Each structure stands twice: as C-alpha cells, then as structure tokens.
C-alpha cells in the first residue's frame, strides 16, 4: 500500500485525528511531520475519547509504528505527560520513535511566547502560549536544543547556558520576567531524557528501511493549510510547514516516495485565534454552528470561530497541496438548516476574486459571495453508507466537489470510527482496499 499525506485543507481542526486513526488500521507507520503540542487531535473509540497533542494518532492501533519527525518541536514535559496518560489507559508505546533531530520546547520558549503575545495588543496572533513559535525561531537561528542533546549532558549544559545569556536579558528587560537558571533547566532536561531515551532514534534511517521493506506510511500534520508559514494567512499562522510539502522535510522522506495527498475539510469552516476569516458568522448563527459542532479547542478549550464552507480556501488548498481527494467531516452539523450558503468567490471593491488573496488589507475587506443550496433537515448523524444520506445532502457534497475540483472519498457523520462513509470507486479505496470491508456498506 502507498505512502499518503493527510493534510488539513482549512485552518486546522478539520478532524484529521479521526481520519488518520481510521486509515492507520490499513497502514504500517504513522509519522507526524510538523507542529508542537499546540495541536489537539481528538479520537473517539467506543465510549472512550483520546486527545493527542504530540503523539501520532496511529498510536491507538496495537502494533503500529509511530514516528515524531524532525519537523516537530517537542515539549518533553508535555510529551511525557501524554505518554503516561496513554499507558495509564492501556495503550502500548512500544512502537513510538522520536527523531533525534526534533527540537525541544524549553521553559524560556513558553515564557517568551506568552509575554510577546500579551505585548501585541490589537495585533495578537492568537498563539496558545505553548512556546512553539519561539522554539522554531531558535531552530532557524541555529540556537535550538535537539532531542539528541538530552543524552549528552555536557553539550546540553553548554547550549542552555548560551541560550539563557540571550533569553534572560530579553525576558528581564523587555517583559519584566525574572528569567531562568541554566542549572534548573538542565536538571529538568536530564530527567526527561532518562524517560525518553528508549524512544529517541534516527527516524530518517528507520523510515527509509521500513519503506524499503514494503511498509506503508501515513504522514500526519498538526495544523491546516491556511496556517502554513508560507502559504497561510500570514502573520496569523503557525511557525512551520503545515501543508503537504512539510511531510518530506519534516520526516526526511524524499518527496518521490510520497504517493498521494488526502485533504481533510469540514462541511463548513472554523478557525481559532486572530486573523482574517471571510465567511465567519457572528451572533446566533455562529453560535449555533459552534454548539452543534462542539467547536472548542481540544488543547485550549477556546471557542472556535465558525462560518460557512469556503470554496476559495479549498481551491487554494488543492493547489498548494496537490490534493488528490477529500475527506469531509461533520456533515451532520448542518442537518437542521433549511438553506445552506456556500462561499464561491470574494468581492473586493467591486472586483470578483476567485483565487485566495494574501494581502492582509484585502483579506480584511473582502466580502464572501454566496450561493445557497437546499438543506436536508433530517439527521445524518451516524449514517454509514451513501445510500442512507438524504438526496439533498448528497447534492450539497456534489456541489462542493464541483466548486473545489476534487472528488470526495470519505464523509464523516460523527466522531466514532464507524460513523464514516467511504465512497466506492474513490481514490481512498484504491489506496487502502481493506477500508472496503471496514467502512463500505
């Protein structure tokens, strides 16, 4: 079976965790390629809900190998807490590998993140304050502390001392923070290193060996395309390459070994944090979407901003990621609406825009151009076959396919694995034939 990238096609929170968990049953390896513990992937199995922050969603499948790639920034304390919780709930971590080249999020990164965000005032980005951005800054500035450094006490001490000579004056002078002592951070890191050492590995070599032996790999991102540092709504983005291209750089797997890209999109649109959001709904309309979709951040609990489906955003995601096909989640959230708007273009000062504009001022002024389709006004929650879906729900999905230019392979009608429709003849079934027996009714 092939090596497939699963990528968010909106601003994140599209339901990638469920999709990766579902597909992991057909793959051998799941590799996370970017982001930090600012992400939260929610997976529901039976009556149990798991929220994963750094560990790939495939960990819930016994016997699967899971890789945290070099493109991820890792908060070791948070990762150990996540690991401990999984073990407590009976999940084995035997297959978990962490890239020796993954950079660490350390206490001064979190302090800088929170202090800088507080200082931005009206220009707040909406960061989670987890230290992810400052850790990527240090990586780019060649100041980072990497996972392998946890196993080298002397090098670890040198790097932390050098970094604090730079960070403490900034924290103390600019932000009024007391700063940190190198010894306290070093001791904490060494303690974390003892726990993580069995999992730290040359994951580039391991992935190459596994693929050479015929293993199938799923590549999982943390955020969505519109939060990509190069291709998202800058500066209201994350600090890494969330789009499909990041799968190669974030794991060390050559682009030539990637066989396809599955984009995940909600049947409507959400985003968290600040920044442009053309189809955002204010007031009761947005509140209803939020309530029906339980749109609250898995990591922070923050209410998500909600709006109608934006085909302009999805067409951009198709272009940037080379999406082969789509998975559409949370269709059931739209069940009660008699009419459902779809954004087909933007209007800016009298000009119709069909491609996504990146000028911040333009984005703040654009008005969505909607067409409306008839709603179905019956429950689709938990449906598991295309034939069960109301004709108007199928018509809505068909219109999305026309506007985006890609066919839909999978429809999610609930949070659980089995609440899924996989379409016969779709690219997804060509990639993963075992899904037919699992999901096609």
Protein backbone atom coordinates (compact mmCIF):
# COMPACT_ATOMS: atom_id res chain seq x y z
CA UNK A 1 0.00 0.00 0.00
CA UNK A 2 1.14 3.57 -0.69
CA UNK A 3 2.58 6.38 1.41
CA UNK A 4 -0.10 9.04 1.88
CA UNK A 5 -0.07 12.54 3.38
CA UNK A 6 -3.17 13.52 5.38
CA UNK A 7 -3.38 17.29 5.47
CA UNK A 8 -5.84 19.82 6.82
CA UNK A 9 -7.40 21.84 3.99
CA UNK A 10 -8.65 24.76 6.11
CA UNK A 11 -7.38 26.46 9.30
CA UNK A 12 -6.90 23.24 11.24
CA UNK A 13 -9.33 21.35 13.50
CA UNK A 14 -10.82 19.59 10.46
CA UNK A 15 -10.91 16.16 12.11
CA UNK A 16 -7.55 14.85 10.90
CA UNK A 17 -7.17 12.82 14.09
CA UNK A 18 -10.20 10.68 13.33
CA UNK A 19 -9.22 10.25 9.68
CA UNK A 20 -5.64 9.22 10.50
CA UNK A 21 -6.89 6.87 13.21
CA UNK A 22 -9.25 5.26 10.69
CA UNK A 23 -6.61 4.88 7.99
CA UNK A 24 -3.92 3.73 10.43
CA UNK A 25 -5.64 0.36 10.53
CA UNK A 26 -4.57 -0.08 6.89
CA UNK A 27 -1.03 1.37 7.17
CA UNK A 28 2.11 0.21 8.96
CA UNK A 29 3.55 3.52 10.18
CA UNK A 30 2.11 6.92 11.14
CA UNK A 31 4.59 9.83 11.07
CA UNK A 32 3.91 13.29 12.45
CA UNK A 33 5.84 15.89 10.44
CA UNK A 34 5.28 19.38 11.94
CA UNK A 35 3.86 21.45 14.77
CA UNK A 36 4.03 21.05 18.50
CA UNK A 37 1.78 20.35 21.45
CA UNK A 38 -0.34 23.35 20.48
CA UNK A 39 -2.37 20.91 18.37
CA UNK A 40 -5.03 18.57 19.71
CA UNK A 41 -6.21 15.58 17.71
CA UNK A 42 -9.36 14.03 19.17
CA UNK A 43 -10.09 10.36 18.52
CA UNK A 44 -13.18 8.57 19.82
CA UNK A 45 -13.11 4.79 20.15
CA UNK A 46 -16.28 3.29 21.55
CA UNK A 47 -17.05 5.26 24.68
CA UNK A 48 -13.51 6.49 25.15
CA UNK A 49 -12.15 9.82 23.94
CA UNK A 50 -8.42 10.36 23.45
CA UNK A 51 -6.89 13.80 22.87
CA UNK A 52 -3.39 13.57 21.37
CA UNK A 53 -1.04 16.55 21.25
CA UNK A 54 2.38 15.35 20.03
CA UNK A 55 1.98 11.61 19.53
CA UNK A 56 0.63 10.47 16.12
CA UNK A 57 -2.99 9.34 16.02
CA UNK A 58 -1.95 5.84 14.96
CA UNK A 59 -0.75 5.06 18.49
CA UNK A 60 -4.24 3.78 19.35
CA UNK A 61 -3.77 0.83 16.97
CA UNK A 62 -1.76 -2.01 18.59
CA UNK A 63 1.39 -2.91 16.72
CA UNK A 64 1.64 0.26 14.62
CA UNK A 65 4.89 2.20 14.50
CA UNK A 66 4.51 5.89 15.28
CA UNK A 67 7.16 8.50 14.49
CA UNK A 68 7.54 12.04 15.79
CA UNK A 69 9.59 13.55 12.97
CA UNK A 70 12.37 16.12 12.92
CA UNK A 71 9.94 18.84 11.79
CA UNK A 72 8.07 18.65 15.10
CA UNK A 73 9.04 20.74 18.14
CA UNK A 74 8.66 18.73 21.32
CA UNK A 75 7.92 19.90 24.83
CA UNK A 76 9.47 16.98 26.74
CA UNK A 77 7.43 17.54 29.89
CA UNK A 78 4.19 17.66 27.93
CA UNK A 79 5.16 14.60 25.86
CA UNK A 80 5.96 12.55 28.96
CA UNK A 81 2.64 13.53 30.50
CA UNK A 82 0.86 12.47 27.30
CA UNK A 83 2.76 9.17 27.24
CA UNK A 84 1.94 8.46 30.89
CA UNK A 85 -1.76 9.07 30.32
CA UNK A 86 -1.82 6.67 27.36
CA UNK A 87 -0.04 3.98 29.36
CA UNK A 88 -2.48 4.50 32.24
CA UNK A 89 -5.31 3.84 29.79
CA UNK A 90 -3.71 0.66 28.49
CA UNK A 91 -2.11 1.96 25.28
CA UNK A 92 1.30 0.50 24.41
CA UNK A 93 4.11 2.87 23.47
CA UNK A 94 6.43 0.15 22.16
CA UNK A 95 6.17 1.45 18.59
CA UNK A 96 6.83 5.12 19.41
CA UNK A 97 10.00 6.66 17.96
CA UNK A 98 11.13 10.29 18.32
CA UNK A 99 13.54 11.88 15.87
CA UNK A 100 16.90 12.65 17.41
CA UNK A 101 16.83 15.88 15.39
CA UNK A 102 13.48 17.14 16.70
CA UNK A 103 13.91 20.46 18.51
CA UNK A 104 12.82 21.00 22.10
CA UNK A 105 10.41 23.49 23.59
CA UNK A 106 12.01 24.66 26.84
CA UNK A 107 10.63 26.82 29.68
CA UNK A 108 12.06 30.04 28.25
CA UNK A 109 10.26 29.42 24.98
CA UNK A 110 6.91 29.29 26.76
CA UNK A 111 7.72 32.45 28.74
CA UNK A 112 8.74 34.35 25.59
CA UNK A 113 5.64 33.16 23.73
CA UNK A 114 3.23 34.29 26.44
CA UNK A 115 4.98 37.60 27.11
CA UNK A 116 5.24 38.55 23.43
CA UNK A 117 1.58 37.71 22.79
CA UNK A 118 0.46 39.80 25.74
CA UNK A 119 2.50 42.74 24.44
CA UNK A 120 0.99 42.67 20.92
CA UNK A 121 -2.29 44.23 21.98
CA UNK A 122 -4.65 44.52 19.00
CA UNK A 123 -2.16 42.63 16.83
CA UNK A 124 -2.42 39.42 18.84
CA UNK A 125 -1.87 36.30 16.73
CA UNK A 126 -3.89 34.00 18.97
CA UNK A 127 -0.98 31.75 19.93
CA UNK A 128 -1.64 29.06 22.53
CA UNK A 129 1.35 30.21 24.57
CA UNK A 130 2.93 26.76 24.42
CA UNK A 131 6.30 28.06 23.21
CA UNK A 132 6.01 26.58 19.72
CA UNK A 133 6.83 29.74 17.75
CA UNK A 134 9.92 30.71 19.82
CA UNK A 135 11.22 27.12 19.54
CA UNK A 136 11.01 27.35 15.75
CA UNK A 137 12.71 30.77 15.93
CA UNK A 138 15.65 29.18 17.75
CA UNK A 139 15.71 26.35 15.23
CA UNK A 140 16.01 28.82 12.35
CA UNK A 141 18.55 30.90 14.27
CA UNK A 142 20.67 27.78 14.86
CA UNK A 143 20.29 28.10 18.61
CA UNK A 144 18.00 25.11 19.15
CA UNK A 145 18.37 22.28 21.62
CA UNK A 146 17.53 18.97 19.98
CA UNK A 147 16.22 15.67 21.29
CA UNK A 148 19.65 14.01 21.00
CA UNK A 149 21.10 16.71 23.28
CA UNK A 150 19.12 15.25 26.17
CA UNK A 151 21.55 12.33 26.05
CA UNK A 152 24.71 14.49 26.09
CA UNK A 153 24.97 16.17 29.48
CA UNK A 154 27.91 18.44 28.67
CA UNK A 155 26.57 19.65 25.33
CA UNK A 156 23.16 20.19 26.89
CA UNK A 157 24.69 22.42 29.58
CA UNK A 158 26.63 24.45 27.02
CA UNK A 159 23.57 25.06 24.84
CA UNK A 160 21.26 26.04 27.69
CA UNK A 161 23.82 28.43 29.20
CA UNK A 162 24.45 30.05 25.81
CA UNK A 163 20.73 30.46 25.15
CA UNK A 164 19.98 31.96 28.55
CA UNK A 165 22.71 34.54 28.06
CA UNK A 166 20.49 35.79 25.23
CA UNK A 167 16.99 34.99 26.52
CA UNK A 168 17.25 36.21 30.13
CA UNK A 169 18.09 39.84 29.24
CA UNK A 170 15.13 39.91 26.85
CA UNK A 171 12.78 38.42 29.42
CA UNK A 172 14.00 40.63 32.25
CA UNK A 173 14.41 43.96 30.42
CA UNK A 174 11.63 43.85 27.85
CA UNK A 175 8.99 41.80 29.62
CA UNK A 176 9.76 42.13 33.33
CA UNK A 177 10.14 38.36 33.73
CA UNK A 178 12.63 37.08 36.37
CA UNK A 179 14.37 34.80 33.88
CA UNK A 180 15.67 31.26 34.37
CA UNK A 181 18.69 29.48 35.79
CA UNK A 182 20.59 27.17 33.47
CA UNK A 183 21.07 24.53 36.17
CA UNK A 184 17.34 24.17 36.86
CA UNK A 185 16.54 23.68 33.18
CA UNK A 186 19.49 21.31 32.71
CA UNK A 187 18.41 19.09 35.61
CA UNK A 188 14.84 19.01 34.33
CA UNK A 189 16.01 18.12 30.81
CA UNK A 190 18.24 15.31 32.04
CA UNK A 191 15.33 13.85 33.97
CA UNK A 192 13.18 13.98 30.85
CA UNK A 193 15.99 12.45 28.81
CA UNK A 194 16.06 9.38 31.04
CA UNK A 195 12.39 8.74 30.31
CA UNK A 196 12.55 9.47 26.58
CA UNK A 197 15.89 7.80 25.78
CA UNK A 198 14.38 4.43 24.73
CA UNK A 199 12.30 6.21 22.09
CA UNK A 200 14.92 8.58 20.63
CA UNK A 201 16.17 7.29 17.28
CA UNK A 202 17.45 8.06 13.80
CA UNK A 203 13.95 8.10 12.37
CA UNK A 204 15.13 9.10 8.89
CA UNK A 205 17.00 5.82 8.63
CA UNK A 206 14.17 3.82 10.20
CA UNK A 207 11.55 5.23 7.81
CA UNK A 208 13.80 4.52 4.83
CA UNK A 209 14.37 0.93 5.98
CA UNK A 210 10.70 0.32 6.68
CA UNK A 211 9.58 1.69 3.32
CA UNK A 212 12.28 -0.31 1.53
CA UNK A 213 10.84 -3.39 3.20
CA UNK A 214 7.38 -2.52 1.87
CA UNK A 215 5.81 -0.65 4.78
CA UNK A 216 3.05 1.87 4.11
CA UNK A 217 3.39 5.24 5.87
CA UNK A 218 0.72 7.80 6.75
CA UNK A 219 2.06 11.33 7.21
CA UNK A 220 0.12 13.45 9.68
CA UNK A 221 0.31 17.22 10.11
CA UNK A 222 -0.74 19.14 13.19
CA UNK A 223 -2.33 22.26 11.68
CA UNK A 224 -4.13 23.10 8.43
CA UNK A 225 -3.02 24.60 5.12
CA UNK A 226 -4.23 28.11 5.95
CA UNK A 227 -1.91 28.16 8.97
CA UNK A 228 1.16 27.21 6.92
CA UNK A 229 4.02 29.65 7.50
CA UNK A 230 4.49 30.23 3.75
CA UNK A 231 1.03 29.60 2.31
CA UNK A 232 -1.37 30.63 5.08
CA UNK A 233 -2.89 33.90 6.26
CA UNK A 234 0.40 35.41 7.44
CA UNK A 235 1.13 36.58 10.12
CA UNK A 236 -1.81 34.77 11.72
CA UNK A 237 -0.28 31.37 11.12
CA UNK A 238 1.74 28.68 12.83
CA UNK A 239 5.54 28.61 12.65
CA UNK A 240 6.05 25.55 10.45
CA UNK A 241 5.15 23.97 7.11
CA UNK A 242 1.68 22.55 7.71
CA UNK A 243 0.97 21.83 4.05
CA UNK A 244 1.80 18.56 2.31
CA UNK A 245 5.32 19.65 1.33
CA UNK A 246 6.24 19.65 5.00
CA UNK A 247 5.83 15.87 5.12
CA UNK A 248 9.11 15.40 3.26
CA UNK A 249 11.20 17.98 5.10
CA UNK A 250 9.61 17.16 8.45
CA UNK A 251 10.46 13.45 8.32
CA UNK A 252 13.41 13.13 5.94
CA UNK A 253 11.41 11.04 3.48
CA UNK A 254 12.11 12.03 -0.15
CA UNK A 255 9.19 13.66 -2.00
CA UNK A 256 9.47 10.92 -4.61
CA UNK A 257 8.32 8.40 -2.00
CA UNK A 258 5.01 10.19 -1.39
CA UNK A 259 2.20 8.61 -3.41
CA UNK A 260 -0.80 10.79 -2.69
CA UNK A 261 -2.38 13.53 -0.59
CA UNK A 262 -5.73 13.37 1.19
CA UNK A 263 -7.19 16.72 2.21
CA UNK A 264 -9.49 16.91 5.22
CA UNK A 265 -12.17 19.61 5.36
CA UNK A 266 -15.20 20.27 7.49
CA UNK A 267 -18.56 20.64 5.75
CA UNK A 268 -18.34 24.24 6.99
CA UNK A 269 -15.33 26.30 8.17
CA UNK A 270 -13.73 27.15 11.51
CA UNK A 271 -10.57 28.77 12.77
CA UNK A 272 -9.08 29.67 16.16
CA UNK A 273 -7.06 32.70 17.12
CA UNK A 274 -6.90 36.00 15.30
CA UNK A 275 -6.70 36.78 11.61
CA UNK A 276 -8.90 37.07 8.52
CA UNK A 277 -11.84 34.69 8.17
CA UNK A 278 -14.07 35.80 5.26
CA UNK A 279 -17.06 33.51 5.91
CA UNK A 280 -17.17 33.99 9.69
CA UNK A 281 -20.65 34.15 11.20
CA UNK A 282 -21.28 36.47 14.11
CA UNK A 283 -24.09 36.25 16.64
CA UNK A 284 -26.66 33.44 16.93
CA UNK A 285 -25.83 31.88 13.54
CA UNK A 286 -22.20 31.34 14.50
CA UNK A 287 -23.21 30.25 18.00
CA UNK A 288 -25.48 27.54 16.58
CA UNK A 289 -22.71 26.11 14.40
CA UNK A 290 -20.34 26.20 17.38
CA UNK A 291 -22.81 24.46 19.65
CA UNK A 292 -23.82 21.77 17.16
CA UNK A 293 -20.21 21.10 16.16
CA UNK A 294 -18.85 21.33 19.73
CA UNK A 295 -16.32 23.76 18.33
CA UNK A 296 -13.96 24.25 21.24
CA UNK A 297 -10.21 23.72 21.03
CA UNK A 298 -9.03 20.28 22.16
CA UNK A 299 -5.84 21.81 23.58
CA UNK A 300 -7.02 25.15 24.96
CA UNK A 301 -10.80 24.87 25.21
CA UNK A 302 -11.08 28.16 23.30
CA UNK A 303 -14.31 28.62 21.30
CA UNK A 304 -13.63 28.33 17.59
CA UNK A 305 -14.82 30.94 15.14
CA UNK A 306 -17.38 29.38 12.78
CA UNK A 307 -18.57 30.11 9.26
CA UNK A 308 -19.93 28.61 6.06
CA UNK A 309 -17.91 26.43 3.68
CA UNK A 310 -15.36 28.48 1.74
CA UNK A 311 -14.61 27.06 -1.71
CA UNK A 312 -11.97 29.76 -2.32
CA UNK A 313 -9.94 28.42 0.59
CA UNK A 314 -10.36 24.84 -0.57
CA UNK A 315 -9.26 25.62 -4.12
CA UNK A 316 -6.12 27.17 -2.65
CA UNK A 317 -5.56 24.03 -0.57
CA UNK A 318 -5.95 21.85 -3.66
CA UNK A 319 -3.32 23.90 -5.49
CA UNK A 320 -0.79 24.13 -2.64
CA UNK A 321 -1.01 20.52 -1.52
CA UNK A 322 -1.76 18.80 -4.82
CA UNK A 323 -4.77 17.20 -3.15
CA UNK A 324 -5.85 14.01 -4.86
CA UNK A 325 -9.12 13.67 -2.98
CA UNK A 326 -11.06 14.96 0.03
CA UNK A 327 -12.49 13.73 3.30
CA UNK A 328 -15.40 15.88 4.50
CA UNK A 329 -16.16 15.81 8.21
CA UNK A 330 -19.04 16.94 10.43
CA UNK A 331 -21.69 16.78 7.74
CA UNK A 332 -24.26 16.09 10.46
CA UNK A 333 -23.68 19.54 12.00
CA UNK A 334 -25.58 21.06 9.03
CA UNK A 335 -28.64 18.82 9.46
CA UNK A 336 -31.16 21.42 10.74
CA UNK A 337 -30.54 24.17 8.18
CA UNK A 338 -33.28 24.71 5.54
CA UNK A 339 -30.85 26.67 3.33
CA UNK A 340 -27.06 26.35 3.37
CA UNK A 341 -24.81 29.09 1.91
CA UNK A 342 -21.55 28.18 0.16
CA UNK A 343 -18.89 30.81 -0.49
CA UNK A 344 -17.93 30.56 -4.16
CA UNK A 345 -15.84 33.75 -4.51
CA UNK A 346 -14.93 37.03 -2.78
CA UNK A 347 -15.80 40.58 -3.79
CA UNK A 348 -13.21 43.29 -3.17
CA UNK A 349 -14.06 46.90 -4.06
CA UNK A 350 -16.27 45.79 -6.91
CA UNK A 351 -13.88 43.12 -8.23
CA UNK A 352 -14.77 39.42 -8.11
CA UNK A 353 -11.94 37.26 -6.74
CA UNK A 354 -11.98 33.51 -7.33
CA UNK A 355 -8.42 32.91 -6.09
CA UNK A 356 -7.41 33.42 -2.48
CA UNK A 357 -5.75 36.83 -1.96
CA UNK A 358 -2.87 37.11 0.52
CA UNK A 359 -2.65 40.87 1.05
CA UNK A 360 -3.73 41.34 4.65
CA UNK A 361 -5.66 44.55 3.95
CA UNK A 362 -7.50 42.94 1.05
CA UNK A 363 -8.46 39.93 3.15
CA UNK A 364 -9.87 42.18 5.84
CA UNK A 365 -12.14 43.92 3.31
CA UNK A 366 -13.33 41.08 1.09
CA UNK A 367 -16.97 40.10 1.17
CA UNK A 368 -17.93 36.48 0.56
CA UNK A 369 -20.08 35.78 -2.48
CA UNK A 370 -22.57 33.06 -1.61
CA UNK A 371 -24.80 30.70 -3.45
CA UNK A 372 -27.40 28.79 -1.47
CA UNK A 373 -28.41 25.15 -1.71
CA UNK A 374 -31.36 23.46 -0.10
CA UNK A 375 -30.74 21.81 3.24
CA UNK A 376 -31.98 18.32 4.10
CA UNK A 377 -33.45 18.97 7.58
CA UNK A 378 -33.16 15.34 8.70
CA UNK A 379 -30.49 13.68 10.79
CA UNK A 380 -27.40 12.27 9.10
CA UNK A 381 -25.64 11.55 12.40
CA UNK A 382 -24.00 8.14 12.40
CA UNK A 383 -25.00 7.19 8.85
CA UNK A 384 -22.57 4.76 7.24
CA UNK A 385 -23.47 4.47 3.56
CA UNK A 386 -24.01 6.87 0.68
CA UNK A 387 -27.46 5.42 0.03
CA UNK A 388 -28.56 6.39 3.56
CA UNK A 389 -27.67 10.05 3.05
CA UNK A 390 -30.61 12.30 2.11
CA UNK A 391 -30.60 13.31 -1.58
CA UNK A 392 -30.10 16.97 -0.68
CA UNK A 393 -27.08 16.12 1.47
CA UNK A 394 -25.61 14.25 -1.48
CA UNK A 395 -26.39 17.24 -3.72
CA UNK A 396 -24.58 19.54 -1.28
CA UNK A 397 -21.49 17.32 -1.36
CA UNK A 398 -21.64 17.09 -5.15
CA UNK A 399 -21.70 20.89 -5.37
CA UNK A 400 -18.64 21.11 -3.13
CA UNK A 401 -16.84 18.71 -5.47
CA UNK A 402 -17.70 20.89 -8.47
CA UNK A 403 -16.52 24.08 -6.79
CA UNK A 404 -13.29 22.61 -5.45
CA UNK A 405 -12.42 20.41 -8.43
CA UNK A 406 -11.75 17.24 -6.45
CA UNK A 407 -13.91 14.26 -5.62
CA UNK A 408 -14.84 13.34 -2.09
CA UNK A 409 -13.68 9.91 -0.94
CA UNK A 410 -14.87 9.94 2.66
CA UNK A 411 -17.69 11.54 4.63
CA UNK A 412 -17.66 11.64 8.43
CA UNK A 413 -21.05 11.71 10.14
CA UNK A 414 -19.85 11.51 13.74
CA UNK A 415 -16.81 11.27 15.96
CA UNK A 416 -16.51 7.49 16.16
CA UNK A 417 -14.57 5.34 13.71
CA UNK A 418 -17.64 3.55 12.40
CA UNK A 419 -19.57 6.78 11.76
CA UNK A 420 -17.98 7.06 8.35
CA UNK A 421 -18.98 6.75 4.71
CA UNK A 422 -16.25 5.70 2.27
CA UNK A 423 -17.31 6.06 -1.34
CA UNK A 424 -16.97 3.08 -3.65
CA UNK A 425 -14.51 3.67 -6.50
CA UNK A 426 -12.81 6.58 -4.70
CA UNK A 427 -9.03 7.14 -4.61
CA UNK A 428 -9.09 6.30 -0.91
CA UNK A 429 -10.28 2.77 -1.62
CA UNK A 430 -7.70 2.39 -4.36
CA UNK A 431 -5.02 3.33 -1.83
CA UNK A 432 -6.47 1.30 1.05
CA UNK A 433 -8.62 -1.61 -0.20
CA UNK A 434 -9.15 -3.02 3.34
CA UNK A 435 -11.33 0.03 4.07
CA UNK A 436 -13.98 -1.54 1.86
CA UNK A 437 -14.75 -4.29 4.36
CA UNK A 438 -14.45 -1.89 7.29
CA UNK A 439 -16.49 1.06 6.06
CA UNK A 440 -18.38 0.37 2.81
CA UNK A 441 -21.89 -0.90 3.47
